[in-house]
Each structure stands twice: as C-alpha cells, then as structure tokens.
Amino acid sequence: MKIGIVGGGQLAQMMIQAGASLGVSFALLALESDESATAICSEVHRVQGFDREGVAAFVDTCDLVTFDHELVDPAILEAIPGAAAKVFPSAQTLRMSANKARQREMLQAQGIPSPEFVIALDSGQLREAVEGTGFPAVAKAAHGGYDGRGVFYLENADDLESLLSRLPGSFELIVEPKLELEAELAVLVARSRSGEIALYPVLRTVQLDSVCNEVWAPSGFGECIEETALGYGRRIAEAVGSVGMLAIEMFVVNGEVLINELAPRPHNSGHLTIEGCRVSQFENHLRGVMDLPLGPTDLVAPAAAMANLLGPPDPVDLVAGLAPVLEVDGARPHLYHKSYRKGRKLGHVTALADSAEAALEIAREGAAAALSVRAGS
C-alpha cells in the first residue's frame, strides 16, 4: 500500500512515522519550501504549486492520497477521474472545511452554535458588518488563514481603516464580536470510510499570538461541557463526511460551547496523542483513510500535556538542545527537521503524569530545555 500525502510539513512527517508500523510506504507532493517530511520520505515529488496536472499525476501513482494541509483547490480533485475513490478527505469535505464561511453556514444549517458572524465580500459590507458588531471585533479571512494568519483584531475605527487599506479588491471575511473566552477546547474525531467513529478525550488548548502553545487532557471542565463538545464533534464529522481525522476548535463562553473552526486532518492540538493515547491521531488518520478498524483513543495515563517549540527571538540549536530536554524526567521531544524562524513551530514536547498540572509542568520544563542552546554557542 502506497499512500500519497499532499504537503511535506510536520503533520506528514508524523503520519509517515505512524504508518511505518502498518507496513505502509509513502510518497509526498511537496512544495520547494517544505522541510519536515521530505527529510524522512524516500519518494518526494517537488512542485511549485498544486495545479491540476501535477496533482492528477501524483494521484495516479498512489493507492490512496491524503493531506498535510488544505491548500489544494477542491475543483482540481473533482476533475481528476477516479479521485473520489482514492483521495481522502474528499473534495466535498475539503471545500467546506477549507473555507470558514462555508463552515459557519454548515453549522447554522445543523443547528450547532458558533459565534455570531457576518460574511463581508467588499469594503461596504465590511464597514456595515463592523458597525453592526461594534468594537472590538474580529475579522477572519474565510480561506487560507491559520496560526493567526488572516485574523485581524479591530479595536477601533483606525484599525478598520488600516485593514481596509491593505485588503485586495476581492475578498471574503467573517466578522464576529471579540468574545471573552473562558477557555478554548479541541475535539478530535477519527472517522473511517465505512463510517466508524472514534472520539479522543476533550483537549484544553492555550494560544500564544494566535498559535497553539500548550495542550492538555483532561480538560478540567465538567462532564456537561465535555459531553456537549463530544456530541458536537460526532455530529459535525457525520455532517461533513470526514474521513481520517477531523479537528474541531471550540470556545467556551459563559458556560456555552461554541464552534470556532474545523480542520480535516491531524491537528497540532492532538500531538499529545502520540504518547498520551492508546492509538495516536496519526495512526487513526491512516486507519480511517485505509478503512481499517479504528484504534482505542483513551489516555494511557491519568493526564497528558504538550508544549510547542516555537522559534524564540534568537536562533537556537535544537540538536544541541536534545541532551538538556532528555535530562528532564518524563519529557518526550519531537523535532520537525525545520530551519529556524522566529515564531515557527520547530517541534513539541509531551509528558504524562498523574495530573494535568504535573504533566504540563514537565512539558514546559522540557520545552525550555530544548530551546536553551543558542545557535553558534
């Protein structure tokens, strides 16, 4: 079985690592800038962009195809003969999941709560939307934004005018009020091609400059919140026909769970499942794509946590930092084969413990140790 992965980032890297024990071989359709998975995959097809001809040729060489990201135009997949039987998630799932406006419309149709929002397609609609929402507001690019990209915080009229001066002639934005969040949660749903579903424990997430920084489980919220979140996760996975992993980011506001956005692939919030759960999100993603029985998702310890390794202001030497992090009892480092850039996800550290607080303390200590050696020292 050869599985093709579109994209060569860290998610593809960890899929390949998980697939080795399943006897799977891999091929990558990777951009010139991709680094992580290209360092460990023997078959790499380099491209300048994901055009129809290149994607079609790649799909033809593989038994199954999945994704590291949502950067392929679903129309390209719909035009490839036979793609519907071997490309997962499907073009339909990608079309909805890669566009925040379509996500919100789907949630409305399903009666699943999300923040109040207005879709703006031109400067007049954007002004009207912000006027209706009031300041402070948040404007989000409907397509292409992640890790804080394409998210604009509008505290006052000056911020709005600044945004309007930078927008292209054609755009699609979601405008919503800036909410006071009690917490952010993530629900990970594995779903196979035949419809089997497995839900991971609800995860508590913390963002740093709109980038995932820390994650832990149990979430610390009561049974009512967690059951509601898991119920929404199951309903959404069935509604969009997901195959493999579906990650759902959620807000808790005034005791209510609101859906923020979806990602139809393994997700940063689920990296702790590698050591923390009986079967990781990466293995279950592959099982779902291959239509194999899904594996158990429960925690192997009372608690698990993860801390991301985000590039600090000064360059660091992660290889030299391996010894310090490995000296932290219980810390498990994962490096992504990436060159340094400030704020870039360079890896993560996970830990297991008897409580979320203890696991998070170990993960934080390990992350600090991993980033402790400056480049050139």
Foldseek 3Di string as FASTA:
>chain_A
DEEEEEEQFQQLLVLVVLCVVVVYAYAYAYEPQHFFRVVPHPHYHYDPADDLVVVLVVQVVGQAYEYPALRHQLVSQVPRPPSQVHYFPHSLLSVQQQFQVSVVVLCVVVVAFAFDKDKDWALVSVVVRCVVQDPFKWKAFRHDDALLPRIQTRHDPVSSVVVNVPDDGTGIIIMGYDADFPFKKKKKWAAALVGDIATAAIKTFDHDNSHTFKIKPPHPDDPVQRVSVVVVVSVVCVSSVHFQMKMWMWTQHPNDIHTRHITRGDDPNQPQQVQFFPRGSSNSSVCRSVVHDGDHRYTPALMKMKGFQFAAPAAFDLVVLPVQLVVQPFKDWDARRDDGDGRDGGTMIMGGDNDRVVRRVSRVSSSCSSRVGGPPD
